[in-house]
Protein backbone atom coordinates (compact mmCIF):
# COMPACT_ATOMS: atom_id res chain seq x y z
CA ALA A 1 6.79 -14.93 33.57
CA GLN A 2 9.65 -15.16 31.04
CA GLU A 3 9.66 -11.36 30.66
CA GLN A 4 10.89 -10.60 34.21
CA HIS A 5 14.28 -9.40 32.95
CA HIS A 6 12.62 -6.56 31.00
CA ALA A 7 11.99 -3.33 32.90
CA GLY A 8 9.27 -1.93 30.62
CA LEU A 9 8.48 1.70 31.43
CA LEU A 10 9.22 1.44 35.17
CA THR A 11 11.64 -0.67 37.19
CA PRO A 12 10.12 -3.02 39.83
CA ASP A 13 10.67 -0.35 42.53
CA GLY A 14 8.88 2.35 40.49
CA ARG A 15 11.83 4.29 39.11
CA GLU A 16 11.80 5.49 35.48
CA ALA A 17 13.34 2.87 33.20
CA GLN A 18 15.15 3.57 29.94
CA GLY A 19 12.01 2.52 28.06
CA LEU A 20 10.00 5.38 29.62
CA LYS A 21 12.65 7.94 28.68
CA GLU A 22 12.62 6.71 25.07
CA ALA A 23 8.80 6.60 24.91
CA ARG A 24 8.65 10.17 26.27
CA GLN A 25 11.19 11.38 23.70
CA THR A 26 9.24 9.67 20.90
CA ALA A 27 5.98 11.28 22.04
CA GLU A 28 7.63 14.71 22.18
CA ASP A 29 9.11 14.25 18.70
CA LEU A 30 5.76 13.22 17.22
CA GLU A 31 3.98 16.16 18.83
CA ALA A 32 6.60 18.58 17.46
CA LEU A 33 6.36 17.12 13.95
CA GLY A 34 2.59 17.42 13.70
CA THR A 35 0.78 15.61 10.90
CA ILE A 36 2.97 13.18 8.95
CA GLU A 37 1.64 12.56 5.45
CA GLN A 38 2.56 9.18 4.05
CA LEU A 39 4.27 8.91 0.67
CA PRO A 40 2.90 6.00 -1.43
CA ALA A 41 5.58 3.40 -2.12
CA GLN A 42 6.50 2.60 -5.71
CA VAL A 43 7.72 -0.92 -4.83
CA ALA A 44 5.80 -3.81 -3.28
CA LEU A 45 7.06 -7.08 -1.83
CA VAL A 46 4.59 -9.98 -1.73
CA PHE A 47 4.62 -12.07 1.45
CA ASP A 48 2.49 -15.22 1.58
CA TYR A 49 1.95 -17.24 4.76
CA GLU A 50 0.77 -20.31 2.83
CA SER A 51 4.12 -20.37 1.03
CA ALA A 52 5.94 -20.02 4.35
CA TRP A 53 4.06 -23.03 5.75
CA ALA A 54 4.64 -25.03 2.58
CA TRP A 55 8.40 -24.54 2.57
CA GLN A 56 8.57 -25.27 6.29
CA THR A 57 6.91 -28.58 5.46
CA GLN A 58 9.17 -29.32 2.50
CA PRO A 59 12.27 -27.10 2.53
CA GLN A 60 14.36 -29.58 0.52
CA GLY A 61 17.45 -28.26 2.29
CA ALA A 62 18.59 -26.77 5.60
CA GLY A 63 19.45 -23.48 3.88
CA PHE A 64 15.98 -22.81 2.45
CA ASP A 65 13.72 -20.64 4.57
CA TYR A 66 10.92 -18.62 2.93
CA PHE A 67 10.96 -15.82 5.48
CA ARG A 68 14.71 -15.37 5.05
CA LEU A 69 14.40 -15.44 1.25
CA VAL A 70 11.86 -12.59 1.32
CA PHE A 71 13.64 -10.72 4.12
CA GLU A 72 16.97 -10.71 2.27
CA GLN A 73 15.27 -9.18 -0.77
CA TYR A 74 13.57 -6.63 1.51
CA ARG A 75 16.99 -5.85 3.00
CA ALA A 76 18.49 -5.35 -0.47
CA LEU A 77 15.72 -2.91 -1.43
CA ARG A 78 15.91 -0.98 1.85
CA ARG A 79 19.68 -0.71 1.41
CA LEU A 80 18.86 1.27 -1.74
CA GLY A 81 16.92 3.81 0.31
CA ILE A 82 13.38 3.29 -0.98
CA ASN A 83 9.97 2.87 0.64
CA ILE A 84 8.43 -0.60 0.31
CA ASP A 85 4.89 -1.91 0.81
CA ILE A 86 4.54 -5.50 1.99
CA VAL A 87 1.35 -6.98 0.54
CA ASP A 88 -0.57 -10.24 0.68
CA LYS A 89 -1.17 -12.02 -2.60
CA ARG A 90 -4.93 -11.60 -2.12
CA SER A 91 -4.54 -7.82 -2.04
CA VAL A 92 -2.48 -7.65 -5.23
CA GLY A 93 -4.36 -5.34 -7.58
CA GLU A 94 -5.78 -2.97 -4.96
CA ARG A 95 -3.23 -0.43 -6.18
CA SER A 96 -0.48 -0.31 -8.81
CA TYR A 97 3.28 -0.20 -8.31
CA LYS A 98 6.26 0.37 -10.54
CA LEU A 99 7.91 -2.82 -9.24
CA ILE A 100 6.38 -5.90 -7.62
CA CYS A 101 8.66 -8.61 -6.21
CA ALA A 102 7.17 -12.04 -5.57
CA ALA A 103 9.78 -14.56 -4.44
CA GLY A 104 9.00 -18.15 -3.54
CA LEU A 105 5.21 -18.11 -4.02
CA MET A 106 4.28 -21.77 -3.72
CA SER A 107 1.14 -21.60 -5.84
CA VAL A 108 0.40 -19.13 -8.63
CA ASN A 109 -2.95 -19.51 -10.36
CA LYS A 110 -3.95 -17.72 -13.56
CA ASP A 111 -5.87 -14.99 -11.74
CA LEU A 112 -2.96 -14.13 -9.43
CA LEU A 113 -0.45 -14.11 -12.29
CA GLU A 114 -2.65 -11.76 -14.32
CA ARG A 115 -3.14 -9.42 -11.37
CA LEU A 116 0.61 -9.33 -10.73
CA LYS A 117 1.40 -8.52 -14.37
CA ARG A 118 -1.44 -6.01 -14.78
CA ASN A 119 -0.64 -3.90 -11.72
CA THR A 120 3.05 -3.18 -12.20
CA GLU A 121 5.52 -1.94 -14.80
CA VAL A 122 8.10 -4.55 -13.79
CA LEU A 123 7.38 -7.91 -12.16
CA LEU A 124 10.15 -10.00 -10.57
CA MET A 125 9.24 -13.56 -9.58
CA GLY A 126 11.19 -16.58 -8.39
CA PRO A 127 12.84 -18.61 -7.23
CA ARG A 128 10.52 -21.55 -6.51
CA SER A 129 7.39 -19.71 -7.62
CA GLY A 130 4.44 -21.76 -8.84
CA SER A 131 6.11 -25.09 -8.12
CA ARG A 132 3.08 -26.56 -6.31
CA SER A 133 -0.68 -26.39 -6.66
CA GLU A 134 -2.88 -24.94 -3.94
CA ASP A 135 -3.25 -28.54 -2.71
CA PHE A 136 0.54 -28.89 -2.48
CA TYR A 137 1.28 -31.22 -5.34
CA ILE A 138 3.38 -30.74 -8.46
CA ASP A 139 1.06 -29.54 -11.21
CA SER A 140 2.34 -29.20 -14.77
CA ASP A 141 -0.66 -26.99 -15.57
CA GLN A 142 0.44 -24.20 -13.21
CA PRO A 143 0.55 -20.97 -15.28
CA GLN A 144 4.09 -19.79 -16.09
CA LEU A 145 5.51 -16.31 -16.50
CA PHE A 146 7.03 -17.28 -19.88
CA GLU A 147 5.93 -19.66 -22.61
CA HIS A 148 8.18 -22.37 -24.03
CA VAL A 149 10.31 -22.55 -20.89
CA SER A 150 11.21 -26.01 -19.62
CA LEU A 151 12.32 -26.73 -16.06
CA GLN A 152 14.83 -29.59 -16.21
CA ARG A 153 15.65 -30.03 -12.53
CA VAL A 154 16.04 -28.16 -9.24
CA GLU A 155 19.05 -28.13 -6.97
CA SER A 156 19.18 -27.59 -3.21
CA MET A 157 22.74 -26.58 -2.37
CA ARG A 158 24.75 -27.03 0.81
CA ALA A 159 26.25 -24.04 2.61
CA GLY A 160 29.21 -22.62 0.72
CA ALA A 161 28.12 -24.02 -2.65
CA GLY A 162 26.65 -21.89 -5.40
CA TYR A 163 26.75 -20.59 -8.97
CA ARG A 164 28.87 -17.50 -9.55
CA THR A 165 27.90 -14.76 -11.98
CA ASP A 166 29.38 -11.36 -12.83
CA SER A 167 26.94 -9.83 -10.33
CA GLY A 168 27.32 -12.19 -7.37
CA VAL A 169 26.45 -15.73 -6.31
CA ILE A 170 23.29 -17.83 -6.51
CA GLU A 171 23.14 -19.95 -3.36
CA HIS A 172 20.87 -22.37 -1.41
CA TRP A 173 18.52 -23.09 -4.33
CA PHE A 174 18.83 -23.17 -8.12
CA GLU A 175 16.46 -24.11 -10.94
CA HIS A 176 17.90 -25.43 -14.20
CA TYR A 177 15.84 -24.09 -17.11
CA GLU A 178 16.01 -24.81 -20.82
CA VAL A 179 15.07 -21.59 -22.61
CA ALA A 180 15.69 -19.62 -25.77
CA ASP A 181 18.79 -17.42 -25.50
CA GLU A 182 16.79 -14.22 -26.07
CA LEU A 183 14.99 -14.78 -22.74
CA VAL A 184 18.20 -14.93 -20.71
CA MET A 185 19.21 -11.68 -19.01
CA ASP A 186 22.07 -13.17 -16.98
CA TRP A 187 24.16 -16.33 -17.11
CA SER A 188 26.22 -18.19 -14.53
CA ASP A 189 29.93 -18.79 -15.14
CA GLU A 190 28.92 -22.34 -16.13
CA GLY A 191 26.65 -21.01 -18.88
CA LEU A 192 23.35 -21.68 -17.07
CA PRO A 193 20.43 -19.21 -17.20
CA VAL A 194 20.15 -17.28 -13.94
CA LEU A 195 17.78 -14.42 -14.76
CA LEU A 196 15.03 -14.63 -17.38
CA GLY A 197 13.32 -11.54 -18.75
CA GLN A 198 10.88 -10.34 -21.37
CA GLU A 199 8.70 -7.19 -21.68
CA GLY A 200 8.96 -6.10 -18.04
CA ASN A 201 8.59 -9.61 -16.61
CA PHE A 202 11.57 -11.24 -14.89
CA TYR A 203 12.17 -14.60 -13.26
CA LEU A 204 15.13 -15.24 -10.96
CA CYS A 205 16.14 -18.89 -11.15
CA GLY A 206 17.85 -19.05 -7.76
CA TRP A 207 18.44 -17.50 -4.37
CA PRO A 208 20.63 -14.38 -4.77
CA ASP A 209 23.33 -13.47 -2.28
CA ALA A 210 23.48 -9.87 -0.99
CA GLU A 211 25.84 -8.75 -3.79
CA TYR A 212 23.66 -10.17 -6.56
CA ALA A 213 20.42 -8.85 -5.01
CA HIS A 214 21.91 -5.36 -4.68
CA SER A 215 23.05 -5.34 -8.31
CA LEU A 216 19.73 -6.70 -9.61
CA TYR A 217 17.50 -4.27 -7.74
CA LEU A 218 19.75 -1.32 -8.54
CA SER A 219 19.40 -2.21 -12.23
CA LEU A 220 15.60 -2.57 -12.02
CA LEU A 221 15.17 0.72 -10.16
CA LYS A 222 17.29 2.53 -12.75
CA LYS A 223 15.18 0.95 -15.49
CA LEU A 224 12.07 2.36 -13.81
CA GLY A 225 13.55 5.78 -13.09
CA ILE A 226 13.24 5.33 -9.31
CA LYS A 227 15.85 7.30 -7.41
CA SER A 228 17.96 5.12 -5.13
CA ARG A 229 20.86 5.47 -2.70
CA SER A 230 23.48 2.84 -1.83
CA LEU A 231 23.35 3.19 1.96
CA PRO A 232 26.06 2.01 4.35
CA ASP A 233 25.39 -0.97 6.64
CA GLY A 234 22.97 -0.14 9.44
CA LEU A 235 21.70 3.13 7.92
CA ARG A 236 18.17 3.24 6.52
CA VAL A 237 15.82 5.99 5.42
CA ARG A 238 12.03 6.32 5.33
CA GLU A 239 10.38 9.00 3.17
CA THR A 240 7.08 10.71 3.90
CA LYS A 241 5.60 13.65 1.99
CA ASN A 242 6.93 16.20 4.43
CA TYR A 243 9.80 14.48 6.28
CA ARG A 244 12.75 12.20 5.71
CA PHE A 245 13.59 9.89 8.64
CA TRP A 246 17.14 8.49 8.89
CA PHE A 247 17.75 5.56 11.27
CA ASN A 248 21.16 4.27 12.30
CA TYR A 249 20.60 0.72 13.51
CA ASP A 250 24.34 0.15 13.98
CA ASN A 251 26.25 0.33 17.27
CA GLN A 252 28.77 2.58 15.51
CA PRO A 253 28.35 6.16 14.19
CA SER A 254 27.32 6.49 10.54
CA GLN A 255 28.06 9.21 7.98
CA PHE A 256 26.32 9.63 4.64
CA GLU A 257 26.26 12.57 2.24
CA GLY A 258 27.14 15.09 4.92
CA ARG A 259 24.83 13.60 7.55
CA TYR A 260 26.19 12.29 10.86
CA LEU A 261 24.24 9.91 13.06
CA ALA A 262 25.52 8.58 16.34
CA ALA A 263 25.08 4.91 17.17
CA ALA A 264 21.37 3.97 17.42
CA ASP A 265 20.42 7.53 16.48
CA VAL A 266 17.61 9.11 14.42
CA LEU A 267 17.84 12.16 12.17
CA ILE A 268 14.66 13.92 10.97
CA GLU A 269 14.80 16.21 7.94
CA ALA A 270 12.00 18.52 6.87
CA LYS A 271 11.79 18.03 3.11
CA ASN A 272 10.67 21.59 2.34
CA SER A 273 13.78 23.09 3.93
CA ASN A 274 17.29 22.19 5.03
CA ASP A 275 16.22 21.96 8.68
CA ARG A 276 17.53 18.92 10.51
CA LYS A 277 16.48 17.75 13.96
């Protein structure tokens, strides 16, 4: 019905459509590559549908959207050229990671918090994590990442408003915490805690813009000894054990470290040689 504008693999009169040419090329590439062995990711991003539904019900502001909050952190990590697993909170603990990122989890019980902390070297939570019970009410007994931390108020900010730091801007949402100075890893220009940290556990008090997210994740990856690359807009890379796949999602050519990709192009590198396809 509504899909009549899309040709699919064949046009209505039976001619080969662009989709068939691309599907054929993909099949030929996969056959030529042979077995592709996956490389386990060192970073996981937690996505929780219950949190998405909760913040759709009570966003507190037009700028707050759970999917966009998680996606912008995913984008910041992919910009650094690393593989990422996206996991459900129920599957946390099935394998360990060097870094687990859990933004905006509505409800965080003691079991989930312990599994998050136990199965990673560095845990980054927030903003808006653990602010409701599983029954969607404010519960002062929700377990917290840090002891002796007091939430004074939360702030939903209009478009264009935010708290500036040396690393970027906190926008859309900000939580005002009263904490001991030794817990604060980053301050806003107004002297408010923005990033809390202790013994590999971190809590981000607000929604980071792209500049802040890039700086934060670059710092955490360096701390963990994970190699990263600051990729240009539109260029992304996926690592497997035997190949490196470069994708240019832009409508303009992209160049990076001697590589050239035309618009909407793919470059495949065999990792055991300098061969490029």
